[in-house]
C-alpha atoms as a PDB file:
ATOM      1  CA  MET A   1     -29.891   9.259  17.321  1.00  0.00           C
ATOM      2  CA  GLU A   2     -27.451  10.750  14.829  1.00  0.00           C
ATOM      3  CA  PRO A   3     -23.671  10.418  15.046  1.00  0.00           C
ATOM      4  CA  GLN A   4     -22.028  13.368  16.790  1.00  0.00           C
ATOM      5  CA  HIS A   5     -18.398  12.621  15.862  1.00  0.00           C
ATOM      6  CA  ILE A   6     -18.358  10.705  12.589  1.00  0.00           C
ATOM      7  CA  LYS A   7     -19.919  13.247  10.264  1.00  0.00           C
ATOM      8  CA  ALA A   8     -20.852  10.837   7.477  1.00  0.00           C
ATOM      9  CA  ARG A   9     -24.067   9.669   5.878  1.00  0.00           C
ATOM     10  CA  PRO A  10     -25.356   6.109   6.032  1.00  0.00           C
ATOM     11  CA  GLU A  11     -24.518   5.655   2.359  1.00  0.00           C
ATOM     12  CA  ASP A  12     -20.895   6.564   3.176  1.00  0.00           C
ATOM     13  CA  VAL A  13     -20.347   3.621   5.569  1.00  0.00           C
ATOM     14  CA  ALA A  14     -20.209  -0.026   4.499  1.00  0.00           C
ATOM     15  CA  ARG A  15     -21.840  -2.950   6.296  1.00  0.00           C
ATOM     16  CA  LYS A  16     -18.376  -4.289   6.971  1.00  0.00           C
ATOM     17  CA  ALA A  17     -15.754  -2.124   8.728  1.00  0.00           C
ATOM     18  CA  VAL A  18     -12.172  -2.409   9.956  1.00  0.00           C
ATOM     19  CA  ILE A  19     -11.148  -0.107  12.778  1.00  0.00           C
ATOM     20  CA  SER A  20      -7.715   0.837  14.098  1.00  0.00           C
ATOM     21  CA  GLY A  21      -6.529   3.204  16.811  1.00  0.00           C
ATOM     22  CA  ASP A  22      -3.693   4.921  14.924  1.00  0.00           C
ATOM     23  CA  PRO A  23      -4.680   7.416  12.198  1.00  0.00           C
ATOM     24  CA  ALA A  24      -1.447   6.585  10.371  1.00  0.00           C
ATOM     25  CA  ARG A  25      -2.406   2.919  10.205  1.00  0.00           C
ATOM     26  CA  VAL A  26      -5.895   3.822   8.974  1.00  0.00           C
ATOM     27  CA  ALA A  27      -4.323   5.819   6.133  1.00  0.00           C
ATOM     28  CA  GLN A  28      -2.061   2.859   5.324  1.00  0.00           C
ATOM     29  CA  LEU A  29      -4.925   0.395   5.247  1.00  0.00           C
ATOM     30  CA  SER A  30      -7.049   2.700   3.035  1.00  0.00           C
ATOM     31  CA  THR A  31      -4.498   2.178   0.263  1.00  0.00           C
ATOM     32  CA  LEU A  32      -5.539  -1.432   0.049  1.00  0.00           C
ATOM     33  CA  LEU A  33      -9.003  -0.241  -1.090  1.00  0.00           C
ATOM     34  CA  LYS A  34      -9.988   0.579  -4.634  1.00  0.00           C
ATOM     35  CA  ARG A  35     -11.135   4.191  -5.011  1.00  0.00           C
ATOM     36  CA  PRO A  36     -10.967   5.022  -1.313  1.00  0.00           C
ATOM     37  CA  ARG A  37     -12.761   8.204  -0.305  1.00  0.00           C
ATOM     38  CA  LEU A  38     -12.418  10.119   2.908  1.00  0.00           C
ATOM     39  CA  VAL A  39     -15.923  10.233   4.418  1.00  0.00           C
ATOM     40  CA  ASN A  40     -14.997  11.736   7.788  1.00  0.00           C
ATOM     41  CA  GLU A  41     -12.072  13.618   9.377  1.00  0.00           C
ATOM     42  CA  ASN A  42     -14.004  15.235  12.196  1.00  0.00           C
ATOM     43  CA  ARG A  43     -12.611  14.949  15.790  1.00  0.00           C
ATOM     44  CA  GLY A  44      -9.527  13.071  14.643  1.00  0.00           C
ATOM     45  CA  PHE A  45     -11.501   9.995  13.472  1.00  0.00           C
ATOM     46  CA  PRO A  46     -10.485   9.684   9.803  1.00  0.00           C
ATOM     47  CA  THR A  47     -12.787   7.243   8.022  1.00  0.00           C
ATOM     48  CA  TYR A  48     -12.433   5.920   4.514  1.00  0.00           C
ATOM     49  CA  THR A  49     -14.768   3.849   2.385  1.00  0.00           C
ATOM     50  CA  GLY A  50     -13.801   2.074  -0.822  1.00  0.00           C
ATOM     51  CA  GLU A  51     -13.989  -1.249  -2.545  1.00  0.00           C
ATOM     52  CA  TYR A  52     -12.279  -4.532  -1.878  1.00  0.00           C
ATOM     53  CA  LYS A  53     -12.839  -7.175  -4.532  1.00  0.00           C
ATOM     54  CA  GLY A  54     -16.021  -5.435  -5.603  1.00  0.00           C
ATOM     55  CA  GLU A  55     -17.480  -5.081  -2.141  1.00  0.00           C
ATOM     56  CA  GLU A  56     -17.662  -1.881  -0.129  1.00  0.00           C
ATOM     57  CA  LEU A  57     -15.504  -1.725   2.988  1.00  0.00           C
ATOM     58  CA  THR A  58     -14.973   1.009   5.529  1.00  0.00           C
ATOM     59  CA  VAL A  59     -11.740   1.679   7.461  1.00  0.00           C
ATOM     60  CA  ALA A  60     -12.020   3.993  10.486  1.00  0.00           C
ATOM     61  CA  CYS A  61      -9.896   5.296  13.315  1.00  0.00           C
ATOM     62  CA  HIS A  62     -11.227   4.526  16.818  1.00  0.00           C
ATOM     63  CA  GLY A  63      -8.728   6.431  18.894  1.00  0.00           C
ATOM     64  CA  ILE A  64      -7.354   5.192  22.196  1.00  0.00           C
ATOM     65  CA  GLY A  65      -9.175   3.329  24.942  1.00  0.00           C
ATOM     66  CA  GLY A  66     -12.677   2.141  25.833  1.00  0.00           C
ATOM     67  CA  PRO A  67     -14.558   5.470  25.735  1.00  0.00           C
ATOM     68  CA  SER A  68     -13.147   6.399  22.337  1.00  0.00           C
ATOM     69  CA  VAL A  69     -13.718   3.022  20.695  1.00  0.00           C
ATOM     70  CA  ALA A  70     -17.226   2.938  22.161  1.00  0.00           C
ATOM     71  CA  ILE A  71     -18.062   6.244  20.442  1.00  0.00           C
ATOM     72  CA  VAL A  72     -16.749   5.116  17.062  1.00  0.00           C
ATOM     73  CA  VAL A  73     -18.352   1.662  17.232  1.00  0.00           C
ATOM     74  CA  GLU A  74     -21.719   3.082  18.313  1.00  0.00           C
ATOM     75  CA  GLU A  75     -21.650   5.642  15.501  1.00  0.00           C
ATOM     76  CA  LEU A  76     -20.540   3.166  12.802  1.00  0.00           C
ATOM     77  CA  ILE A  77     -23.451   0.991  13.880  1.00  0.00           C
ATOM     78  CA  MET A  78     -25.825   3.973  13.678  1.00  0.00           C
ATOM     79  CA  LEU A  79     -24.536   4.459  10.116  1.00  0.00           C
ATOM     80  CA  GLY A  80     -25.197   0.853   9.110  1.00  0.00           C
ATOM     81  CA  ALA A  81     -22.142  -1.250  10.048  1.00  0.00           C
ATOM     82  CA  LYS A  82     -23.001  -4.876  10.835  1.00  0.00           C
ATOM     83  CA  VAL A  83     -19.496  -6.364  11.106  1.00  0.00           C
ATOM     84  CA  ILE A  84     -16.572  -4.598  12.818  1.00  0.00           C
ATOM     85  CA  VAL A  85     -13.034  -5.967  13.106  1.00  0.00           C
ATOM     86  CA  ARG A  86     -10.374  -4.198  15.118  1.00  0.00           C
ATOM     87  CA  LEU A  87      -6.961  -4.397  13.413  1.00  0.00           C
ATOM     88  CA  GLY A  88      -4.650  -2.964  16.009  1.00  0.00           C
ATOM     89  CA  SER A  89      -1.543  -3.534  18.047  1.00  0.00           C
ATOM     90  CA  CYS A  90      -0.797  -5.034  21.393  1.00  0.00           C
ATOM     91  CA  GLY A  91       1.945  -5.873  23.863  1.00  0.00           C
ATOM     92  CA  GLY A  92       2.803  -9.550  23.819  1.00  0.00           C
ATOM     93  CA  LEU A  93       2.696 -11.422  27.111  1.00  0.00           C
ATOM     94  CA  LEU A  94       4.229 -14.667  25.932  1.00  0.00           C
ATOM     95  CA  LYS A  95       8.039 -14.940  25.857  1.00  0.00           C
ATOM     96  CA  PRO A  96       8.336 -16.250  22.262  1.00  0.00           C
ATOM     97  CA  MET A  97       6.305 -13.339  20.813  1.00  0.00           C
ATOM     98  CA  LYS A  98       8.073 -11.018  18.403  1.00  0.00           C
ATOM     99  CA  VAL A  99       7.209  -7.757  16.715  1.00  0.00           C
ATOM    100  CA  GLY A 100       4.868  -8.422  13.821  1.00  0.00           C
ATOM    101  CA  ASP A 101       3.383 -11.624  15.216  1.00  0.00           C
ATOM    102  CA  ILE A 102      -0.387 -11.733  15.230  1.00  0.00           C
ATOM    103  CA  VAL A 103      -2.773 -12.248  18.105  1.00  0.00           C
ATOM    104  CA  ILE A 104      -6.384 -13.256  17.295  1.00  0.00           C
ATOM    105  CA  ALA A 105      -8.383 -12.503  20.412  1.00  0.00           C
ATOM    106  CA  THR A 106     -10.842 -15.156  21.630  1.00  0.00           C
ATOM    107  CA  GLY A 107     -12.003 -13.047  24.550  1.00  0.00           C
ATOM    108  CA  ALA A 108     -11.071  -9.958  26.563  1.00  0.00           C
ATOM    109  CA  GLY A 109     -10.656  -9.252  30.260  1.00  0.00           C
ATOM    110  CA  TYR A 110     -11.081  -5.888  31.942  1.00  0.00           C
ATOM    111  CA  THR A 111     -11.351  -4.468  35.438  1.00  0.00           C
ATOM    112  CA  SER A 112     -13.448  -1.282  35.159  1.00  0.00           C
ATOM    113  CA  GLY A 113     -14.424   1.516  32.887  1.00  0.00           C
ATOM    114  CA  THR A 114     -16.679   1.855  29.857  1.00  0.00           C
ATOM    115  CA  LEU A 115     -18.399  -1.541  29.985  1.00  0.00           C
ATOM    116  CA  ASP A 116     -19.470  -1.065  33.589  1.00  0.00           C
ATOM    117  CA  GLN A 117     -21.552   1.908  32.466  1.00  0.00           C
ATOM    118  CA  TYR A 118     -23.184  -0.171  29.729  1.00  0.00           C
ATOM    119  CA  PHE A 119     -23.857  -3.292  31.692  1.00  0.00           C
ATOM    120  CA  GLY A 120     -23.664  -2.319  35.382  1.00  0.00           C
ATOM    121  CA  ARG A 121     -21.901  -5.618  36.055  1.00  0.00           C
ATOM    122  CA  LYS A 122     -18.973  -7.653  34.901  1.00  0.00           C
ATOM    123  CA  ILE A 123     -19.411  -9.632  31.704  1.00  0.00           C
ATOM    124  CA  ALA A 124     -17.146 -11.943  29.705  1.00  0.00           C
ATOM    125  CA  PRO A 125     -16.657 -10.059  26.410  1.00  0.00           C
ATOM    126  CA  ARG A 126     -16.174 -12.383  23.447  1.00  0.00           C
ATOM    127  CA  PRO A 127     -15.949 -11.883  19.707  1.00  0.00           C
ATOM    128  CA  ASP A 128     -18.122 -13.650  17.125  1.00  0.00           C
ATOM    129  CA  GLY A 129     -16.953 -17.249  16.970  1.00  0.00           C
ATOM    130  CA  GLU A 130     -17.484 -17.815  13.273  1.00  0.00           C
ATOM    131  CA  LEU A 131     -15.686 -14.656  12.221  1.00  0.00           C
ATOM    132  CA  THR A 132     -12.824 -15.327  14.636  1.00  0.00           C
ATOM    133  CA  ALA A 133     -12.392 -18.888  13.338  1.00  0.00           C
ATOM    134  CA  LEU A 134     -12.345 -17.515   9.757  1.00  0.00           C
ATOM    135  CA  LEU A 135      -9.583 -15.049  10.647  1.00  0.00           C
ATOM    136  CA  ALA A 136      -7.549 -17.777  12.341  1.00  0.00           C
ATOM    137  CA  GLY A 137      -7.950 -20.013   9.327  1.00  0.00           C
ATOM    138  CA  SER A 138      -6.774 -17.228   7.054  1.00  0.00           C
ATOM    139  CA  ALA A 139      -3.712 -16.647   9.228  1.00  0.00           C
ATOM    140  CA  LYS A 140      -2.837 -20.341   9.112  1.00  0.00           C
ATOM    141  CA  LYS A 141      -3.326 -20.465   5.366  1.00  0.00           C
ATOM    142  CA  GLU A 142      -1.035 -17.472   4.870  1.00  0.00           C
ATOM    143  CA  TRP A 143       1.662 -19.061   7.033  1.00  0.00           C
ATOM    144  CA  VAL A 144       1.615 -16.097   9.377  1.00  0.00           C
ATOM    145  CA  ARG A 145       2.897 -16.686  12.892  1.00  0.00           C
ATOM    146  CA  TYR A 146      -0.136 -16.194  15.088  1.00  0.00           C
ATOM    147  CA  TYR A 147      -1.493 -16.840  18.557  1.00  0.00           C
ATOM    148  CA  THR A 148      -5.009 -17.146  19.808  1.00  0.00           C
ATOM    149  CA  GLY A 149      -6.246 -16.452  23.332  1.00  0.00           C
ATOM    150  CA  ARG A 150      -7.726 -13.929  25.711  1.00  0.00           C
ATOM    151  CA  VAL A 151      -6.343 -10.413  25.812  1.00  0.00           C
ATOM    152  CA  PHE A 152      -6.481  -7.924  28.640  1.00  0.00           C
ATOM    153  CA  SER A 153      -7.984  -4.502  27.868  1.00  0.00           C
ATOM    154  CA  SER A 154      -6.366  -1.932  30.100  1.00  0.00           C
ATOM    155  CA  ASP A 155      -7.805   1.498  30.835  1.00  0.00           C
ATOM    156  CA  ALA A 156      -4.422   3.014  31.755  1.00  0.00           C
ATOM    157  CA  PHE A 157      -1.564   2.765  29.300  1.00  0.00           C
ATOM    158  CA  TYR A 158       1.182   3.479  31.863  1.00  0.00           C
ATOM    159  CA  ALA A 159      -0.350   1.688  34.873  1.00  0.00           C
ATOM    160  CA  GLU A 160       0.945  -1.865  34.468  1.00  0.00           C
ATOM    161  CA  GLY A 161       4.495  -2.463  35.644  1.00  0.00           C
ATOM    162  CA  PRO A 162       6.544  -5.640  35.114  1.00  0.00           C
ATOM    163  CA  ASP A 163       4.954  -7.473  38.070  1.00  0.00           C
ATOM    164  CA  ALA A 164       1.430  -6.703  36.865  1.00  0.00           C
ATOM    165  CA  LEU A 165       2.253  -7.856  33.351  1.00  0.00           C
ATOM    166  CA  ARG A 166       3.698 -11.144  34.631  1.00  0.00           C
ATOM    167  CA  GLN A 167       0.566 -11.626  36.705  1.00  0.00           C
ATOM    168  CA  LEU A 168      -1.599 -11.141  33.646  1.00  0.00           C
ATOM    169  CA  ALA A 169       0.431 -13.756  31.785  1.00  0.00           C
ATOM    170  CA  ARG A 170       0.051 -16.174  34.682  1.00  0.00           C
ATOM    171  CA  LYS A 171      -3.719 -15.653  34.473  1.00  0.00           C
ATOM    172  CA  GLY A 172      -3.639 -16.872  30.870  1.00  0.00           C
ATOM    173  CA  TYR A 173      -3.781 -13.612  28.944  1.00  0.00           C
ATOM    174  CA  VAL A 174      -1.661 -13.676  25.812  1.00  0.00           C
ATOM    175  CA  ALA A 175      -1.533  -9.900  25.136  1.00  0.00           C
ATOM    176  CA  ILE A 176      -2.440  -6.491  26.582  1.00  0.00           C
ATOM    177  CA  GLU A 177      -4.187  -3.704  24.715  1.00  0.00           C
ATOM    178  CA  MET A 178      -6.953  -1.177  25.392  1.00  0.00           C
ATOM    179  CA  GLU A 179     -10.106  -1.683  23.247  1.00  0.00           C
ATOM    180  CA  CYS A 180     -11.159  -5.274  22.657  1.00  0.00           C
ATOM    181  CA  ALA A 181     -13.341  -5.699  25.726  1.00  0.00           C
ATOM    182  CA  THR A 182     -15.409  -2.644  24.811  1.00  0.00           C
ATOM    183  CA  LEU A 183     -15.677  -3.696  21.163  1.00  0.00           C
ATOM    184  CA  PHE A 184     -16.792  -7.260  22.049  1.00  0.00           C
ATOM    185  CA  GLY A 185     -19.209  -6.022  24.710  1.00  0.00           C
ATOM    186  CA  LEU A 186     -20.875  -3.614  22.340  1.00  0.00           C
ATOM    187  CA  GLY A 187     -21.028  -6.314  19.677  1.00  0.00           C
ATOM    188  CA  LYS A 188     -23.106  -8.395  22.082  1.00  0.00           C
ATOM    189  CA  LEU A 189     -25.267  -5.470  23.160  1.00  0.00           C
ATOM    190  CA  ARG A 190     -25.956  -4.065  19.662  1.00  0.00           C
ATOM    191  CA  ARG A 191     -26.066  -7.501  17.954  1.00  0.00           C
ATOM    192  CA  VAL A 192     -23.298  -6.885  15.469  1.00  0.00           C
ATOM    193  CA  LYS A 193     -20.429  -9.255  14.591  1.00  0.00           C
ATOM    194  CA  THR A 194     -17.043  -8.299  16.065  1.00  0.00           C
ATOM    195  CA  ALA A 195     -13.532  -9.717  16.069  1.00  0.00           C
ATOM    196  CA  SER A 196      -9.986  -8.495  16.626  1.00  0.00           C
ATOM    197  CA  VAL A 197      -6.626  -9.165  15.003  1.00  0.00           C
ATOM    198  CA  LEU A 198      -3.705  -7.548  16.786  1.00  0.00           C
ATOM    199  CA  MET A 199      -0.077  -7.102  15.765  1.00  0.00           C
ATOM    200  CA  VAL A 200       2.533  -7.392  18.465  1.00  0.00           C
ATOM    201  CA  ASN A 201       4.400  -4.081  18.682  1.00  0.00           C
ATOM    202  CA  ASP A 202       6.512  -5.103  21.671  1.00  0.00           C
ATOM    203  CA  ASN A 203       7.086  -8.011  23.989  1.00  0.00           C
ATOM    204  CA  ALA A 204       5.797  -6.510  27.239  1.00  0.00           C
ATOM    205  CA  VAL A 205       7.208  -9.204  29.533  1.00  0.00           C
ATOM    206  CA  ARG A 206      10.686  -8.654  28.077  1.00  0.00           C
ATOM    207  CA  ALA A 207      10.293  -4.859  28.473  1.00  0.00           C
ATOM    208  CA  GLU A 208      11.090  -4.202  24.804  1.00  0.00           C
ATOM    209  CA  PRO A 209      10.545  -0.740  23.325  1.00  0.00           C
ATOM    210  CA  ILE A 210       7.245  -0.206  21.481  1.00  0.00           C
ATOM    211  CA  VAL A 211       7.506   0.273  17.720  1.00  0.00           C
ATOM    212  CA  ASP A 212       5.345   2.823  15.945  1.00  0.00           C
ATOM    213  CA  ALA A 213       3.009   2.587  12.916  1.00  0.00           C
ATOM    214  CA  ASP A 214       5.833   3.272  10.427  1.00  0.00           C
ATOM    215  CA  ALA A 215       7.897   0.356  11.805  1.00  0.00           C
ATOM    216  CA  LEU A 216       4.789  -1.864  11.702  1.00  0.00           C
ATOM    217  CA  ARG A 217       3.744  -0.776   8.208  1.00  0.00           C
ATOM    218  CA  ARG A 218       4.794  -3.887   6.313  1.00  0.00           C
ATOM    219  CA  TYR A 219       3.115  -6.101   8.916  1.00  0.00           C
ATOM    220  CA  ALA A 220      -0.014  -3.893   8.843  1.00  0.00           C
ATOM    221  CA  MET A 221      -0.285  -4.171   5.083  1.00  0.00           C
ATOM    222  CA  ARG A 222       0.097  -7.930   5.201  1.00  0.00           C
ATOM    223  CA  THR A 223      -2.359  -8.297   8.036  1.00  0.00           C
ATOM    224  CA  GLY A 224      -4.752  -5.845   6.398  1.00  0.00           C
ATOM    225  CA  GLU A 225      -4.880  -7.942   3.238  1.00  0.00           C
ATOM    226  CA  MET A 226      -5.602 -11.016   5.350  1.00  0.00           C
ATOM    227  CA  VAL A 227      -8.407  -9.290   7.320  1.00  0.00           C
ATOM    228  CA  PHE A 228      -9.953  -7.712   4.214  1.00  0.00           C
ATOM    229  CA  ALA A 229      -9.950 -11.051   2.414  1.00  0.00           C
ATOM    230  CA  SER A 230     -11.538 -12.764   5.428  1.00  0.00           C
ATOM    231  CA  LEU A 231     -14.247 -10.124   5.608  1.00  0.00           C
ATOM    232  CA  HIS A 232     -14.924 -10.563   1.916  1.00  0.00           C
ATOM    233  CA  GLN A 233     -15.506 -14.271   2.565  1.00  0.00           C
ATOM    234  CA  PHE A 234     -17.721 -13.632   5.573  1.00  0.00           C
ATOM    235  CA  ARG A 235     -21.434 -13.738   4.793  1.00  0.00           C
ATOM    236  CA  LEU A 236     -23.963 -11.830   6.814  1.00  0.00           C
END
């Protein structure tokens, strides 16, 4: 099957890829690459490939939610990606969390949606353990304030009110976002390595306003360098 949305050739996509939901963040991250080239802009999924420390790396937009990230992940895999890391944002569910803090997901919960169609049953989506440990080690080495734990992947951005968010926190989730469960599930199904590093863009339990990609830019560039360096160290 050929990709229907990412109109690129296999030689345009690297074996290692970083994906993010916001096109503005994807453009920001592409500046960390040497000689980045735009290999797709079809359907609002800008995708760049360039070099990082002599190794090809792809940065792609995955849009919002499970169905969108599933399309992009499936098509990147069709084009040759073997490692995919989501570098995105999340709402923090722990009271000490501040904007710019990092969450490294060790698993993802969900209630319905895209994964049900793939598996027909509930699964426990988890990232690759070795890659996740490498990312956590890099965060510690860089003296970045980070948290590890399970995140909740919501299918409805505006559905969870304060009570629902507090309930998620009581269940042990450290953050809420929309794509990790699908990414991890597809990683298991398609036998590719996946992981996720998320930047806190609001403290959801304190009902703080969400900051946008411009406000997160300096954190995104710092986190991008950390993720890119970790991927460079990761051996397939």
